[in-house]
Amino acid sequence: FVANGFDITLADPANDFSSVGFGGADDVAITDASGISLNAGSITGKLAVTANATGGTGTITDNGPLVVAGDAVFAAGTTGDVTLDAANNFNTLGVTSARNVVVNDINALALANSTISGTLDVTTNGGISGPGAVVVAGKATFTAGAANDILLLNALNNFNSVGIVSGQDVALTDRDAIDLAASTISGTLDVTS
């Protein structure tokens, strides 16, 4: 779909796309009955993708880089995965529901409110911040590079286990107990729970 400067809204829960591409749009909202694959695309506004709208365990994936200037929000249900491992460029990303989540970003990334019933794996080429509350039932792994900070300071964060593959200064806030997995940090570590 191409909608230069306009919105794209495909909200019917009976939609069943195999893959969808979009270009030049402002805001994009897509709902799919099962899993959906997103082709490379650039959006000047917000992106909202809902999979498994009628139940199921489909996955939200990317077939190429996604560039989203506004907020990107993904929902795959408690049994669907979100795998966004292309050379993406998100501003703020939230996952309102999913099992296992993989996110790759070529720059810094801000995490919005997220609820993940499995694991979370975030890789960036810039800092990772968490203005939203991030809740992960499984292991959360963050890779930001040795020169970039990881600052997840929302008081409502709830991690089970956190591992830092690489990061400079790391600050984590958790509303209760937190398990620190093997980590490599080039600067400081500050944990509040």
Protein backbone atom coordinates (compact mmCIF):
# COMPACT_ATOMS: atom_id res chain seq x y z
CA PHE A 1 0.00 0.00 0.00
CA VAL A 2 1.27 3.47 -0.89
CA ALA A 3 -0.41 6.49 0.71
CA ASN A 4 1.98 9.42 0.50
CA GLY A 5 1.17 11.67 3.44
CA PHE A 6 -2.06 9.85 4.32
CA ASP A 7 -3.07 7.20 6.85
CA ILE A 8 -3.53 3.49 6.16
CA THR A 9 -6.08 1.73 8.38
CA LEU A 10 -6.87 -1.96 7.89
CA ALA A 11 -8.68 -2.71 11.13
CA ASP A 12 -10.99 -5.62 10.28
CA PRO A 13 -10.04 -8.59 12.54
CA ALA A 14 -10.95 -10.93 9.67
CA ASN A 15 -8.09 -9.58 7.53
CA ASP A 16 -5.64 -12.35 6.73
CA PHE A 17 -2.56 -11.04 4.96
CA SER A 18 0.48 -13.17 4.30
CA SER A 19 2.68 -10.08 4.01
CA VAL A 20 2.01 -6.35 3.83
CA GLY A 21 4.12 -3.46 2.60
CA PHE A 22 3.48 0.24 2.98
CA GLY A 23 5.29 3.34 1.81
CA GLY A 24 5.07 7.06 2.35
CA ALA A 25 2.18 6.78 4.81
CA ASP A 26 1.64 8.90 7.90
CA ASP A 27 -0.05 6.60 10.44
CA VAL A 28 -0.51 2.88 9.72
CA ALA A 29 -2.79 0.49 11.64
CA ILE A 30 -3.04 -3.16 10.57
CA THR A 31 -5.08 -5.95 12.16
CA ASP A 32 -4.70 -9.56 11.03
CA ALA A 33 -6.55 -12.72 11.95
CA SER A 34 -3.32 -14.73 12.22
CA GLY A 35 0.40 -14.03 11.76
CA ILE A 36 1.68 -11.30 9.46
CA SER A 37 4.96 -10.43 7.78
CA LEU A 38 5.86 -6.77 7.25
CA ASN A 39 7.76 -5.79 4.11
CA ALA A 40 10.30 -2.96 4.19
CA GLY A 41 8.59 0.39 4.61
CA SER A 42 8.91 3.93 5.88
CA ILE A 43 6.24 5.67 7.97
CA THR A 44 6.26 9.33 8.99
CA GLY A 45 3.81 8.76 11.85
CA LYS A 46 2.76 5.83 14.02
CA LEU A 47 2.63 2.09 13.32
CA ALA A 48 0.20 -0.26 15.08
CA VAL A 49 0.17 -3.96 14.18
CA THR A 50 -2.19 -6.52 15.75
CA ALA A 51 -1.86 -10.21 14.87
CA ASN A 52 -3.93 -13.20 15.93
CA ALA A 53 -7.03 -11.00 16.26
CA THR A 54 -9.24 -14.09 16.15
CA GLY A 55 -6.91 -16.24 18.29
CA GLY A 56 -3.97 -18.32 17.21
CA THR A 57 -0.21 -18.38 17.52
CA GLY A 58 0.95 -16.50 14.43
CA THR A 59 4.10 -14.41 14.41
CA ILE A 60 4.69 -10.77 13.50
CA THR A 61 7.89 -10.67 11.44
CA ASP A 62 9.74 -8.29 9.14
CA ASN A 63 10.92 -9.00 5.59
CA GLY A 64 13.05 -5.85 5.44
CA PRO A 65 13.88 -2.68 7.35
CA LEU A 66 11.02 -0.79 8.97
CA VAL A 67 11.53 2.96 9.52
CA VAL A 68 8.95 4.47 11.88
CA ALA A 69 9.22 8.10 12.99
CA GLY A 70 6.42 7.86 15.57
CA ASP A 71 5.46 5.21 18.08
CA ALA A 72 5.43 1.58 16.93
CA VAL A 73 3.13 -0.76 18.85
CA PHE A 74 2.82 -4.51 18.28
CA ALA A 75 0.32 -7.02 19.69
CA ALA A 76 0.54 -10.74 18.97
CA GLY A 77 -1.41 -12.18 21.90
CA THR A 78 0.13 -14.19 24.72
CA THR A 79 1.10 -17.09 22.44
CA GLY A 80 2.30 -15.23 19.33
CA ASP A 81 5.89 -14.08 18.79
CA VAL A 82 7.22 -10.76 17.47
CA THR A 83 10.46 -11.03 15.49
CA LEU A 84 11.72 -7.73 14.07
CA ASP A 85 15.35 -8.54 13.29
CA ALA A 86 16.01 -6.52 10.12
CA ALA A 87 18.00 -3.24 10.10
CA ASN A 88 15.03 -1.38 11.56
CA ASN A 89 14.89 2.22 12.75
CA PHE A 90 12.23 2.72 15.41
CA ASN A 91 11.84 5.75 17.64
CA THR A 92 9.68 4.30 20.43
CA LEU A 93 8.54 0.68 20.45
CA GLY A 94 5.98 -1.07 22.62
CA VAL A 95 4.69 -4.65 22.66
CA THR A 96 1.29 -4.78 24.34
CA SER A 97 1.14 -8.59 24.12
CA ALA A 98 3.44 -11.31 22.81
CA ARG A 99 5.25 -14.45 23.86
CA ASN A 100 8.87 -14.14 22.67
CA VAL A 101 10.09 -10.81 21.24
CA VAL A 102 13.22 -10.02 19.20
CA VAL A 103 13.93 -6.42 18.17
CA ASN A 104 16.87 -5.01 16.21
CA ASP A 105 17.39 -1.26 15.73
CA ILE A 106 20.21 0.56 13.92
CA ASN A 107 20.06 3.52 16.35
CA ALA A 108 18.88 4.27 19.87
CA LEU A 109 15.54 2.84 20.99
CA ALA A 110 12.99 3.84 23.63
CA LEU A 111 10.79 1.07 25.02
CA ALA A 112 7.15 1.96 25.66
CA ASN A 113 4.76 -0.02 27.88
CA SER A 114 5.23 -3.71 27.07
CA THR A 115 3.88 -7.01 28.39
CA ILE A 116 5.77 -10.10 27.25
CA SER A 117 4.88 -13.59 28.44
CA GLY A 118 8.15 -15.16 27.23
CA THR A 119 11.55 -13.68 26.44
CA LEU A 120 12.74 -10.27 25.22
CA ASP A 121 15.90 -9.75 23.15
CA VAL A 122 16.75 -6.16 22.15
CA THR A 123 19.80 -5.24 20.05
CA THR A 124 20.61 -1.64 19.11
CA ASN A 125 23.43 0.48 17.77
CA GLY A 126 22.63 3.18 20.31
CA GLY A 127 21.23 3.66 23.77
CA ILE A 128 18.24 1.77 25.12
CA SER A 129 15.87 3.71 27.36
CA GLY A 130 12.61 2.74 29.01
CA PRO A 131 10.11 5.52 29.55
CA GLY A 132 7.41 2.84 29.56
CA ALA A 133 6.86 -0.02 32.00
CA VAL A 134 8.39 -3.22 30.62
CA VAL A 135 7.07 -6.52 32.01
CA VAL A 136 8.88 -9.71 30.90
CA ALA A 137 8.03 -13.12 32.36
CA GLY A 138 11.12 -14.82 30.88
CA LYS A 139 14.67 -13.62 30.34
CA ALA A 140 15.32 -10.12 28.99
CA THR A 141 18.57 -9.62 27.08
CA PHE A 142 19.89 -6.23 25.99
CA THR A 143 22.75 -5.50 23.57
CA ALA A 144 23.52 -1.81 23.06
CA GLY A 145 27.26 -1.82 22.34
CA ALA A 146 30.07 -0.98 24.73
CA ALA A 147 29.72 2.79 24.16
CA ASN A 148 25.94 3.04 24.69
CA ASP A 149 23.87 3.29 27.86
CA ILE A 150 20.92 1.13 28.91
CA LEU A 151 18.55 3.06 31.19
CA LEU A 152 15.35 1.23 32.13
CA LEU A 153 14.12 3.29 35.07
CA ASN A 154 10.34 2.96 35.12
CA ALA A 155 9.26 2.00 38.66
CA LEU A 156 6.68 -0.43 37.25
CA ASN A 157 9.19 -2.53 35.30
CA ASN A 158 8.97 -6.20 36.21
CA PHE A 159 11.78 -8.37 34.91
CA ASN A 160 12.35 -11.98 35.86
CA SER A 161 15.95 -12.19 34.65
CA VAL A 162 18.08 -9.58 32.85
CA GLY A 163 21.31 -10.12 30.96
CA ILE A 164 23.40 -7.36 29.39
CA VAL A 165 25.44 -8.57 26.42
CA SER A 166 27.00 -5.12 26.03
CA GLY A 167 26.38 -1.68 27.44
CA GLN A 168 28.27 1.24 28.93
CA ASP A 169 26.38 2.66 31.90
CA VAL A 170 23.44 0.44 32.87
CA ALA A 171 20.62 1.39 35.25
CA LEU A 172 17.71 -0.97 35.94
CA THR A 173 14.64 -0.43 38.09
CA ASP A 174 12.33 -3.32 38.98
CA ARG A 175 9.21 -3.30 41.13
CA ASP A 176 10.23 -6.51 42.92
CA ALA A 177 13.01 -9.11 42.83
CA ILE A 178 15.27 -9.35 39.78
CA ASP A 179 17.80 -11.98 38.73
CA LEU A 180 20.93 -10.71 37.00
CA ALA A 181 22.19 -13.10 34.34
CA ALA A 182 25.72 -13.07 32.95
CA SER A 183 26.51 -9.54 31.75
CA THR A 184 29.31 -7.47 30.23
CA ILE A 185 29.20 -3.79 31.14
CA SER A 186 31.93 -1.33 30.17
CA GLY A 187 30.82 1.39 32.59
CA THR A 188 28.67 1.41 35.72
CA LEU A 189 25.78 -0.78 36.90
CA ASP A 190 22.96 0.53 39.10
CA VAL A 191 20.07 -1.78 40.05
CA THR A 192 17.04 -0.76 42.11
CA SER A 193 14.46 -3.33 43.13
